[in-house]
Protein backbone atom coordinates (compact mmCIF):
# COMPACT_ATOMS: atom_id res chain seq x y z
CA MET A 1 34.13 104.92 -76.38
CA ARG A 2 36.16 102.17 -78.13
CA VAL A 3 35.28 101.65 -81.78
CA GLY A 4 36.39 98.96 -84.12
CA ILE A 5 37.51 99.94 -87.42
CA VAL A 6 36.57 96.61 -89.77
CA GLY A 7 39.09 96.65 -92.87
CA THR A 8 42.20 97.01 -93.88
CA GLY A 9 42.24 99.13 -96.97
CA ILE A 10 42.98 102.84 -97.16
CA TRP A 11 39.57 103.82 -96.30
CA ALA A 12 39.93 101.86 -92.81
CA SER A 13 43.12 103.73 -92.35
CA ASN A 14 42.05 107.04 -92.86
CA TYR A 15 39.24 106.45 -90.38
CA MET A 16 42.00 105.19 -87.74
CA ASN A 17 44.07 108.23 -88.78
CA ALA A 18 40.95 110.30 -88.36
CA LEU A 19 39.97 108.96 -84.73
CA GLY A 20 43.19 108.96 -83.29
CA ARG A 21 43.69 112.79 -84.18
CA SER A 22 40.30 113.70 -82.53
CA SER A 23 39.77 115.52 -79.58
CA PHE A 24 37.19 113.01 -78.12
CA ASN A 25 38.46 110.34 -75.73
CA VAL A 26 38.16 107.11 -78.66
CA GLU A 27 39.87 104.18 -79.18
CA ALA A 28 39.85 102.77 -82.44
CA ILE A 29 40.78 99.24 -82.69
CA PRO A 30 41.55 97.97 -86.35
CA ILE A 31 39.78 94.69 -87.15
CA GLY A 32 41.14 92.58 -89.86
CA ALA A 33 38.63 92.09 -92.69
CA ARG A 34 40.67 90.40 -95.53
CA SER A 35 38.48 87.59 -97.08
CA ARG A 36 40.81 85.42 -99.80
CA SER A 37 38.43 85.77 -102.78
CA LEU A 38 34.83 86.83 -103.12
CA THR A 39 33.17 83.63 -102.85
CA LEU A 40 30.41 83.39 -100.27
CA ASN A 41 31.91 81.02 -98.38
CA ASP A 42 35.11 83.09 -98.23
CA LEU A 43 33.08 86.27 -96.90
CA ILE A 44 30.82 84.05 -94.58
CA SER A 45 34.35 82.94 -92.85
CA CYS A 46 35.43 86.23 -93.11
CA ALA A 47 32.59 87.91 -91.54
CA ASP A 48 32.29 85.44 -88.38
CA ASN A 49 35.59 85.64 -87.57
CA VAL A 50 35.28 89.41 -87.39
CA MET A 51 31.89 89.23 -85.31
CA ARG A 52 33.70 86.96 -82.70
CA GLU A 53 36.52 89.31 -82.71
CA ILE A 54 34.33 92.11 -81.96
CA ASP A 55 31.83 90.25 -79.68
CA VAL A 56 35.55 90.03 -77.18
CA LEU A 57 36.12 93.74 -77.68
CA ASN A 58 32.96 95.21 -76.14
CA LEU A 59 33.05 97.96 -78.59
CA ASP A 60 30.67 101.16 -78.35
CA GLY A 61 30.55 101.16 -82.53
CA VAL A 62 31.88 100.02 -85.05
CA VAL A 63 33.11 101.37 -88.70
CA ILE A 64 32.65 99.09 -91.43
CA ALA A 65 35.36 100.25 -94.33
CA SER A 66 35.42 97.25 -96.27
CA LEU A 67 34.25 94.87 -98.81
CA PRO A 68 30.61 96.05 -99.58
CA GLN A 69 29.55 91.84 -99.96
CA LEU A 70 31.50 91.33 -96.38
CA GLN A 71 29.74 94.94 -95.07
CA GLU A 72 26.32 93.03 -96.09
CA LEU A 73 27.06 90.25 -93.95
CA LEU A 74 28.13 92.37 -91.36
CA ALA A 75 25.99 95.20 -90.94
CA PRO A 76 22.35 93.00 -90.37
CA ALA A 77 24.17 91.47 -87.10
CA LEU A 78 25.19 94.30 -86.19
CA MET A 79 21.89 95.60 -86.36
CA LYS A 80 20.50 93.22 -84.77
CA ASP A 81 22.64 93.49 -81.89
CA SER A 82 22.29 97.44 -81.31
CA ILE A 83 25.41 98.14 -82.18
CA PRO A 84 25.90 101.91 -83.77
CA LEU A 85 27.52 102.06 -87.16
CA ILE A 86 28.92 103.86 -89.53
CA LEU A 87 29.10 102.30 -92.97
CA GLU A 88 31.83 103.60 -95.67
CA LYS A 89 29.90 101.74 -98.61
CA PRO A 90 26.65 102.47 -99.47
CA LEU A 91 23.71 100.97 -97.21
CA ALA A 92 23.54 98.13 -99.64
CA LEU A 93 24.40 96.55 -103.23
CA ASP A 94 20.84 95.64 -103.96
CA LEU A 95 17.01 96.04 -102.72
CA ARG A 96 17.05 92.58 -101.24
CA GLY A 97 20.16 93.95 -99.33
CA LEU A 98 18.70 97.09 -98.20
CA ASP A 99 15.59 95.07 -96.79
CA GLN A 100 17.53 92.86 -94.89
CA MET A 101 19.29 95.48 -93.54
CA VAL A 102 16.64 97.51 -92.67
CA ASN A 103 14.51 94.51 -91.02
CA SER A 104 17.45 93.19 -89.38
CA ASN A 105 16.58 95.55 -86.44
CA PRO A 106 13.28 97.27 -86.15
CA ASP A 107 14.15 99.20 -83.95
CA SER A 108 17.18 100.97 -85.24
CA PRO A 109 16.91 103.96 -86.67
CA ILE A 110 18.61 104.21 -90.18
């Protein structure tokens, strides 16, 4: 199983270490997600780069351990593609984000 870990901080490292020590046959693949700032354009650019990397890697699942604002951009797109996710942060920052996530793939259980 190939699992991408989105993030560059301590929580992403924790997931990498835990999966690396797992007795399951899991390949943890780091996916850098560092945004220069919290401007919407920067976050969108970072999300686009991460999505391109995920597309190329042919992953079985993704852990998002990154900024909540970046998670809010990535999670609905991954859910729309039916990619299993673990979200390190709360599901959404507000009700609008929650609605967007829930409605991104009606067939995907949350």
